[in-house]
Amino acid sequence: MDGPLAGIRVLDAATLFAGPLAATLLADFGAEVIKIEHPGGDPVRSHGAQRDGVGLWWKMIGRGKRSVTLYLGAPQGQELFRRMVADADVVIENFRPGTLERWGLGYSALREINPRLVLARVTAFGQVGPYARRPGFGTLAEAMSGFAAMTGEPDGPPTLPPFGLADGIAAVTTAFAIMTALRARDRDGHGQQIDLAIVEPILTLLGPHIVAYDQLGQLPPRTGNRSSNNAPRNIYRTADDGWVAVSTSAQSVAERVMRLVGRPGFIAEPWFTTGAGRAGHAAELDEAVGSWISARKTAEVLSAFEEAEAAVAPVYTAADIVEDPQFRALESIITLLDPELGPIRMQNILFRLSETPGEIRWTGPPLGAHTAEVLSRYGVDERALTDLRAAGVVR
């Protein structure tokens, strides 16, 4: 295997979605990821859109992984898992706290088998505390982190994202935590346990709302598409029913926008000199920018903003993304050949390394596609595999 993480073996025993996506990111850069699925299949295989009964989300999140079916609730499955742990570098799991321990597969037991093992435990609320054993998903993290409370229209309810935002943030954080633990292992030779609560990464990425509450007693209001830190900042409709986003986080950009839309008089106002000052006059600034944009077609708006060196972007759907020249230049979307679906487009790896680039090696494989191949490394011959299948331990 090629890639900067070649030689790192990961057992991905997690489901829906933070843990598996973290493993996907490691696979993209060369780690050997063995996806351990229940014989009935990972839930993501039936989650979301399907084509001809094949889960499309699985094709993305299962990419670059080897699919091995193994029921960890059975003694035979637990024994096989112990064998696999012996030469693994990383295990990623998201069972409810106490589950691995009940199976005799807790960190203390796994460390006895492999002292160099990094065990990443990804749960809604972490391994300790009064909520630790509660069932939970990213939606609860989006609610409890403060995200929902500050998202939505001023006169509307708290708003949740229509996708796995907290899970995605937690996945990137988990991958970083794993690489940090592996770097520490390079130094001292010892593995360690990672306790990652999905509620915490999104809590950090929301910014200084905890500090503002602690120091000033302030709670961020819901502002819709506006910002309490700068203006104009909003989504505006064009004459041909398109939508564009405008941001003026930099003072110089705010001034360019006002000149562009023919309202330079705002620039001389004392309140215009700070982002917070402009935010206090968001309605006036939105009217100025919105009326100018609404009189012009999307292409004209984008061209004028680009010429003025002001920040603007069209509001895209997936149909727009796959045709956009910037995404094409970055190769943000890649076409892969899938054995079940044929050519399939999906998001490419997260970043580009100049010397040791990553690569999507294959799409999410069929259930159990690599069970025989992988388990043969651990002493499971054809007869033993047949017995395991008959017992429902593998598929």
Protein backbone atom coordinates (compact mmCIF):
# COMPACT_ATOMS: atom_id res chain seq x y z
CA MET A 1 0.00 0.00 0.00
CA ASP A 2 1.14 3.51 -0.79
CA GLY A 3 0.56 6.73 1.12
CA PRO A 4 2.03 8.36 4.21
CA LEU A 5 0.05 6.06 6.55
CA ALA A 6 1.08 2.83 4.81
CA GLY A 7 1.89 0.20 7.44
CA ILE A 8 -0.76 1.43 9.89
CA ARG A 9 -3.48 -1.19 10.45
CA VAL A 10 -6.85 0.07 11.69
CA LEU A 11 -9.78 -2.02 12.90
CA ASP A 12 -12.92 0.03 12.31
CA ALA A 13 -15.61 -1.43 14.56
CA ALA A 14 -17.72 1.76 14.69
CA THR A 15 -21.01 2.74 13.05
CA LEU A 16 -22.97 5.89 12.18
CA PHE A 17 -20.93 8.16 11.52
CA ALA A 18 -18.06 9.86 13.32
CA GLY A 19 -15.90 6.79 13.98
CA PRO A 20 -16.27 5.27 10.50
CA LEU A 21 -15.56 8.58 8.78
CA ALA A 22 -12.40 9.01 10.86
CA ALA A 23 -11.30 5.59 9.59
CA THR A 24 -12.13 6.65 6.04
CA LEU A 25 -9.81 9.65 6.34
CA LEU A 26 -7.00 7.36 7.51
CA ALA A 27 -7.66 4.96 4.62
CA ASP A 28 -7.46 7.84 2.15
CA PHE A 29 -3.83 8.34 3.15
CA GLY A 30 -2.73 4.74 3.02
CA ALA A 31 -3.74 3.08 6.29
CA GLU A 32 -5.02 -0.47 5.97
CA VAL A 33 -8.53 -0.20 7.36
CA ILE A 34 -10.41 -3.40 8.15
CA LYS A 35 -14.09 -2.62 8.54
CA ILE A 36 -15.62 -5.02 11.06
CA GLU A 37 -19.32 -5.28 10.32
CA HIS A 38 -22.10 -7.15 12.01
CA PRO A 39 -23.08 -10.07 9.74
CA GLY A 40 -26.28 -8.17 9.03
CA GLY A 41 -24.27 -5.27 7.65
CA ASP A 42 -23.31 -1.81 8.87
CA PRO A 43 -26.45 0.35 9.30
CA VAL A 44 -25.07 2.93 6.88
CA ARG A 45 -25.55 0.44 4.06
CA SER A 46 -29.30 1.04 4.31
CA HIS A 47 -29.11 4.68 5.41
CA GLY A 48 -30.13 7.37 2.95
CA ALA A 49 -30.28 7.15 -0.82
CA GLN A 50 -30.08 3.77 -2.57
CA ARG A 51 -29.56 2.72 -6.15
CA ASP A 52 -30.71 -0.77 -7.08
CA GLY A 53 -30.68 -1.61 -3.37
CA VAL A 54 -27.08 -0.45 -2.93
CA GLY A 55 -26.48 2.22 -0.28
CA LEU A 56 -24.76 5.29 -1.72
CA TRP A 57 -23.60 6.65 1.62
CA TRP A 58 -21.77 3.37 2.21
CA LYS A 59 -19.93 3.76 -1.08
CA MET A 60 -18.36 6.93 0.29
CA ILE A 61 -17.80 6.12 3.96
CA GLY A 62 -16.69 2.55 3.21
CA ARG A 63 -14.15 3.57 0.58
CA GLY A 64 -10.65 2.18 0.86
CA LYS A 65 -11.70 -0.31 3.56
CA ARG A 66 -11.77 -4.09 3.65
CA SER A 67 -15.16 -5.44 4.73
CA VAL A 68 -15.04 -8.28 7.26
CA THR A 69 -18.19 -9.58 8.92
CA LEU A 70 -17.78 -10.56 12.57
CA TYR A 71 -20.29 -10.75 15.40
CA LEU A 72 -18.47 -9.46 18.45
CA GLY A 73 -21.28 -10.52 20.76
CA ALA A 74 -20.36 -14.19 20.23
CA PRO A 75 -17.41 -15.81 22.04
CA GLN A 76 -15.96 -16.98 18.70
CA GLY A 77 -16.15 -13.43 17.37
CA GLN A 78 -14.46 -12.06 20.47
CA GLU A 79 -11.63 -14.57 20.15
CA LEU A 80 -11.06 -13.67 16.51
CA PHE A 81 -11.10 -9.98 17.41
CA ARG A 82 -8.38 -10.58 20.02
CA ARG A 83 -6.23 -12.21 17.34
CA MET A 84 -6.76 -9.24 15.06
CA VAL A 85 -5.89 -6.79 17.81
CA ALA A 86 -2.52 -8.46 18.29
CA ASP A 87 -1.09 -6.92 15.11
CA ALA A 88 -3.32 -3.83 14.83
CA ASP A 89 -2.20 -0.27 15.45
CA VAL A 90 -5.61 1.30 15.99
CA VAL A 91 -9.11 0.20 16.99
CA ILE A 92 -12.02 2.61 16.50
CA GLU A 93 -15.28 1.81 18.28
CA ASN A 94 -18.45 3.60 19.29
CA PHE A 95 -20.33 1.07 21.40
CA ARG A 96 -22.09 2.37 24.46
CA PRO A 97 -19.58 2.62 27.34
CA GLY A 98 -19.22 -0.70 29.11
CA THR A 99 -20.06 -2.83 26.06
CA LEU A 100 -16.48 -3.77 25.19
CA GLU A 101 -15.80 -4.48 28.85
CA ARG A 102 -18.82 -6.79 29.01
CA TRP A 103 -17.37 -8.72 26.08
CA GLY A 104 -13.93 -8.92 27.71
CA LEU A 105 -12.57 -6.51 25.11
CA GLY A 106 -12.06 -3.38 27.22
CA TYR A 107 -8.89 -1.32 26.97
CA SER A 108 -7.13 -3.08 29.84
CA ALA A 109 -7.73 -6.46 28.17
CA LEU A 110 -6.69 -5.26 24.71
CA ARG A 111 -3.58 -3.59 26.10
CA GLU A 112 -2.50 -6.92 27.57
CA ILE A 113 -2.63 -8.36 24.06
CA ASN A 114 -0.98 -5.37 22.35
CA PRO A 115 0.66 -2.66 24.48
CA ARG A 116 1.17 -0.50 21.37
CA LEU A 117 -2.55 -0.39 20.53
CA VAL A 118 -4.37 2.94 20.23
CA LEU A 119 -8.05 2.50 21.13
CA ALA A 120 -10.27 5.37 19.95
CA ARG A 121 -13.64 5.38 21.71
CA VAL A 122 -16.13 7.72 20.04
CA THR A 123 -19.45 8.21 21.82
CA ALA A 124 -22.03 10.95 22.18
CA PHE A 125 -21.07 11.96 25.73
CA GLY A 126 -17.74 10.28 26.45
CA GLN A 127 -16.77 7.44 28.77
CA VAL A 128 -17.47 9.18 32.11
CA GLY A 129 -20.15 11.36 33.64
CA PRO A 130 -23.89 11.05 34.28
CA TYR A 131 -24.78 10.90 30.57
CA ALA A 132 -22.05 8.47 29.49
CA ARG A 133 -24.31 5.45 29.09
CA ARG A 134 -27.11 7.29 27.34
CA PRO A 135 -27.73 6.47 23.67
CA GLY A 136 -26.87 9.42 21.52
CA PHE A 137 -26.16 10.70 18.03
CA GLY A 138 -24.72 13.86 16.49
CA THR A 139 -28.15 15.49 16.59
CA LEU A 140 -27.97 15.59 20.38
CA ALA A 141 -24.50 17.14 20.20
CA GLU A 142 -25.79 19.83 17.85
CA ALA A 143 -28.50 20.60 20.40
CA MET A 144 -26.40 20.48 23.57
CA SER A 145 -23.33 22.28 22.19
CA GLY A 146 -25.23 25.51 21.64
CA PHE A 147 -25.28 25.18 17.85
CA ALA A 148 -29.06 24.83 17.52
CA ALA A 149 -29.74 27.66 19.98
CA MET A 150 -27.78 30.15 17.86
CA THR A 151 -28.97 28.86 14.47
CA GLY A 152 -32.19 29.91 12.76
CA GLU A 153 -34.22 33.04 12.19
CA PRO A 154 -34.60 35.54 15.07
CA ASP A 155 -38.31 34.82 15.46
CA GLY A 156 -38.00 31.11 14.72
CA PRO A 157 -37.11 28.00 16.72
CA PRO A 158 -33.62 26.63 17.30
CA THR A 159 -32.52 24.90 14.10
CA LEU A 160 -30.63 21.66 13.47
CA PRO A 161 -28.51 21.06 10.36
CA PRO A 162 -29.92 18.66 7.75
CA PHE A 163 -26.75 16.56 7.78
CA GLY A 164 -24.30 15.04 10.26
CA LEU A 165 -22.43 18.21 11.20
CA ALA A 166 -21.36 17.18 14.71
CA ASP A 167 -20.40 13.72 13.48
CA GLY A 168 -18.29 15.19 10.68
CA ILE A 169 -16.44 17.54 13.01
CA ALA A 170 -15.91 14.69 15.46
CA ALA A 171 -14.58 12.46 12.66
CA VAL A 172 -11.87 14.92 11.69
CA THR A 173 -11.05 15.41 15.37
CA THR A 174 -10.86 11.65 15.92
CA ALA A 175 -8.45 11.25 13.02
CA PHE A 176 -6.30 14.02 14.52
CA ALA A 177 -6.46 12.38 17.97
CA ILE A 178 -5.37 9.06 16.50
CA MET A 179 -2.42 10.63 14.70
CA THR A 180 -1.45 12.45 17.92
CA ALA A 181 -1.52 9.16 19.86
CA LEU A 182 0.51 7.40 17.16
CA ARG A 183 3.07 10.20 17.27
CA ALA A 184 3.33 9.76 21.06
CA ARG A 185 3.76 6.03 20.50
CA ASP A 186 6.67 6.75 18.15
CA ARG A 187 8.34 8.48 21.09
CA ASP A 188 7.68 6.10 23.99
CA GLY A 189 6.48 2.87 22.35
CA HIS A 190 3.15 2.78 24.23
CA GLY A 191 -0.39 2.94 22.91
CA GLN A 192 -3.21 4.67 24.74
CA GLN A 193 -6.96 5.10 24.95
CA ILE A 194 -8.73 8.04 23.33
CA ASP A 195 -12.00 9.19 24.88
CA LEU A 196 -13.79 11.40 22.35
CA ALA A 197 -17.25 12.77 23.08
CA ILE A 198 -19.02 13.92 19.90
CA VAL A 199 -20.49 16.87 21.80
CA GLU A 200 -17.06 18.41 22.46
CA PRO A 201 -15.48 19.17 19.04
CA ILE A 202 -18.52 21.12 17.85
CA LEU A 203 -18.57 22.93 21.20
CA THR A 204 -15.05 24.17 20.47
CA LEU A 205 -15.71 25.11 16.84
CA LEU A 206 -18.65 27.33 17.77
CA GLY A 207 -16.19 29.97 18.95
CA PRO A 208 -16.13 32.12 22.08
CA HIS A 209 -19.76 31.76 23.16
CA ILE A 210 -18.71 30.15 26.46
CA VAL A 211 -16.15 32.89 27.14
CA ALA A 212 -18.69 35.60 26.28
CA TYR A 213 -21.19 34.10 28.67
CA ASP A 214 -18.57 33.71 31.40
CA GLN A 215 -17.18 37.21 31.11
CA LEU A 216 -20.19 39.23 29.97
CA GLY A 217 -23.25 37.10 30.64
CA GLN A 218 -24.08 37.25 26.94
CA LEU A 219 -25.88 34.59 24.96
CA PRO A 220 -25.62 34.71 21.14
CA PRO A 221 -28.97 35.51 19.50
CA ARG A 222 -30.35 33.74 16.45
CA THR A 223 -29.64 35.99 13.48
CA GLY A 224 -30.61 33.88 10.48
CA ASN A 225 -28.07 34.41 7.70
CA ARG A 226 -26.82 37.60 9.29
CA SER A 227 -23.84 37.78 11.62
CA SER A 228 -23.52 39.60 14.91
CA ASN A 229 -19.86 40.27 14.05
CA ASN A 230 -20.06 41.99 10.66
CA ALA A 231 -22.38 43.25 7.92
CA PRO A 232 -23.38 43.09 5.18
CA ARG A 233 -23.35 39.31 5.47
CA ASN A 234 -26.30 37.46 4.05
CA ILE A 235 -27.84 35.45 1.23
CA TYR A 236 -29.33 37.60 -1.53
CA ARG A 237 -31.63 36.72 -4.43
CA THR A 238 -30.67 37.67 -7.99
CA ALA A 239 -32.87 38.74 -10.88
CA ASP A 240 -32.83 35.25 -12.43
CA ASP A 241 -33.87 33.58 -9.14
CA GLY A 242 -30.37 32.53 -8.15
CA TRP A 243 -28.88 33.10 -4.72
CA VAL A 244 -25.49 34.48 -3.75
CA ALA A 245 -23.69 34.74 -0.41
CA VAL A 246 -21.82 37.92 0.52
CA SER A 247 -19.35 38.25 3.38
CA THR A 248 -17.51 41.35 4.59
CA SER A 249 -15.40 40.09 7.47
CA ALA A 250 -12.59 42.45 6.41
CA GLN A 251 -13.13 46.20 6.59
CA SER A 252 -11.59 46.75 3.17
CA VAL A 253 -14.02 44.29 1.60
CA ALA A 254 -16.99 45.99 3.26
CA GLU A 255 -15.90 49.28 1.74
CA ARG A 256 -15.50 47.73 -1.72
CA VAL A 257 -18.99 46.28 -1.54
CA MET A 258 -20.52 49.66 -0.68
CA ARG A 259 -18.74 51.33 -3.57
CA LEU A 260 -19.81 48.55 -5.92
CA VAL A 261 -23.50 48.84 -5.04
CA GLY A 262 -23.39 52.62 -5.34
CA ARG A 263 -23.70 53.47 -1.65
CA PRO A 264 -20.28 54.88 -0.70
CA GLY A 265 -21.90 57.30 1.74
CA PHE A 266 -22.12 54.50 4.32
CA ILE A 267 -18.33 54.29 4.48
CA ALA A 268 -18.10 57.73 6.14
CA GLU A 269 -20.47 56.76 8.96
CA PRO A 270 -18.66 56.32 12.32
CA TRP A 271 -20.37 52.96 12.92
CA PHE A 272 -19.09 51.59 9.62
CA THR A 273 -15.51 51.33 10.86
CA THR A 274 -16.04 48.12 12.87
CA GLY A 275 -17.70 44.82 12.13
CA ALA A 276 -19.87 45.08 15.24
CA GLY A 277 -20.88 48.61 14.28
CA ARG A 278 -21.91 47.49 10.81
CA ALA A 279 -23.81 44.53 12.28
CA GLY A 280 -25.89 47.02 14.25
CA HIS A 281 -27.03 48.51 10.95
CA ALA A 282 -27.49 45.23 9.10
CA ALA A 283 -30.99 46.07 7.87
CA GLU A 284 -29.80 49.22 6.10
CA LEU A 285 -26.79 47.50 4.59
CA ASP A 286 -28.84 44.49 3.50
CA GLU A 287 -31.30 46.78 1.75
CA ALA A 288 -28.47 48.49 -0.12
CA VAL A 289 -26.77 45.29 -1.20
CA GLY A 290 -29.96 43.28 -1.72
CA SER A 291 -31.62 45.86 -3.97
CA TRP A 292 -28.51 46.11 -6.16
CA ILE A 293 -28.20 42.33 -6.47
CA SER A 294 -31.91 41.75 -7.10
CA ALA A 295 -31.74 43.95 -10.21
CA ARG A 296 -29.03 41.82 -11.82
CA LYS A 297 -28.62 38.27 -13.01
CA THR A 298 -26.37 35.88 -11.11
CA ALA A 299 -23.55 35.87 -13.68
CA GLU A 300 -23.44 39.67 -13.73
CA VAL A 301 -23.38 39.86 -9.91
CA LEU A 302 -20.52 37.38 -9.65
CA SER A 303 -18.53 39.12 -12.37
CA ALA A 304 -18.96 42.55 -10.80
CA PHE A 305 -17.98 41.35 -7.33
CA GLU A 306 -14.92 39.58 -8.73
CA GLU A 307 -13.82 42.70 -10.59
CA ALA A 308 -14.28 44.74 -7.39
CA GLU A 309 -12.32 42.16 -5.37
CA ALA A 310 -15.27 41.70 -3.05
CA ALA A 311 -16.20 38.35 -1.50
CA VAL A 312 -19.16 36.57 -3.07
CA ALA A 313 -20.15 33.00 -3.87
CA PRO A 314 -23.14 31.38 -5.56
CA VAL A 315 -25.35 29.12 -3.47
CA TYR A 316 -24.72 25.72 -5.01
CA THR A 317 -26.46 22.39 -5.12
CA ALA A 318 -24.65 19.14 -5.93
CA ALA A 319 -25.56 19.69 -9.59
CA ASP A 320 -23.63 22.96 -9.59
CA ILE A 321 -20.67 21.59 -7.64
CA VAL A 322 -19.86 18.84 -10.15
CA GLU A 323 -19.75 21.42 -12.99
CA ASP A 324 -17.79 24.16 -11.24
CA PRO A 325 -14.33 24.92 -12.72
CA GLN A 326 -12.71 25.58 -9.33
CA PHE A 327 -13.78 22.23 -7.95
CA ARG A 328 -12.54 20.68 -11.19
CA ALA A 329 -9.16 22.37 -10.85
CA LEU A 330 -8.83 21.11 -7.28
CA GLU A 331 -10.14 17.67 -8.30
CA SER A 332 -12.53 17.95 -5.36
CA ILE A 333 -14.86 15.46 -7.03
CA ILE A 334 -13.42 12.19 -8.33
CA THR A 335 -14.89 9.46 -10.51
CA LEU A 336 -14.24 5.87 -9.40
CA LEU A 337 -15.25 2.54 -10.89
CA ASP A 338 -17.48 0.62 -8.51
CA PRO A 339 -18.03 -3.14 -9.04
CA GLU A 340 -21.75 -2.82 -8.27
CA LEU A 341 -22.68 0.58 -9.69
CA GLY A 342 -20.09 1.29 -12.36
CA PRO A 343 -18.67 4.84 -12.57
CA ILE A 344 -19.48 6.80 -9.42
CA ARG A 345 -18.57 10.35 -8.41
CA MET A 346 -17.84 11.36 -4.85
CA GLN A 347 -15.84 13.86 -2.81
CA ASN A 348 -12.08 13.41 -3.08
CA ILE A 349 -9.57 13.34 -0.22
CA LEU A 350 -9.58 16.31 2.16
CA PHE A 351 -6.24 17.91 1.26
CA ARG A 352 -3.29 17.64 -1.09
CA LEU A 353 0.20 16.70 0.09
CA SER A 354 2.98 17.58 -2.33
CA GLU A 355 5.27 14.63 -1.56
CA THR A 356 3.05 11.88 -0.09
CA PRO A 357 -0.42 12.39 -1.54
CA GLY A 358 -3.39 10.31 -0.51
CA GLU A 359 -5.69 8.33 -2.79
CA ILE A 360 -9.12 6.74 -2.77
CA ARG A 361 -8.25 3.17 -3.60
CA TRP A 362 -11.77 1.76 -4.01
CA THR A 363 -15.37 2.49 -3.14
CA GLY A 364 -17.24 0.88 -0.26
CA PRO A 365 -17.08 -2.86 -0.98
CA PRO A 366 -19.91 -5.42 -0.84
CA LEU A 367 -20.70 -6.82 2.60
CA GLY A 368 -18.07 -9.31 3.74
CA ALA A 369 -16.07 -9.00 0.52
CA HIS A 370 -12.79 -9.49 2.39
CA THR A 371 -13.87 -11.78 5.23
CA ALA A 372 -12.11 -14.90 3.96
CA GLU A 373 -8.99 -13.01 2.88
CA VAL A 374 -8.50 -11.16 6.15
CA LEU A 375 -9.46 -13.93 8.56
CA SER A 376 -7.11 -16.35 6.82
CA ARG A 377 -4.28 -14.27 8.31
CA TYR A 378 -5.53 -15.28 11.74
CA GLY A 379 -5.75 -19.03 11.24
CA VAL A 380 -9.26 -19.28 9.82
CA ASP A 381 -9.23 -21.83 6.98
CA GLU A 382 -12.15 -22.74 4.72
CA ARG A 383 -13.54 -25.36 7.11
CA ALA A 384 -13.37 -22.99 10.09
CA LEU A 385 -14.99 -20.25 8.00
CA THR A 386 -17.84 -22.58 7.09
CA ASP A 387 -18.39 -23.37 10.76
CA LEU A 388 -18.35 -19.68 11.67
CA ARG A 389 -20.89 -18.95 8.99
CA ALA A 390 -23.13 -21.73 10.22
CA ALA A 391 -22.95 -20.26 13.74
CA GLY A 392 -23.85 -16.78 12.44
CA VAL A 393 -20.52 -15.29 13.57
CA VAL A 394 -19.55 -14.25 10.04
CA ARG A 395 -21.40 -14.02 6.76
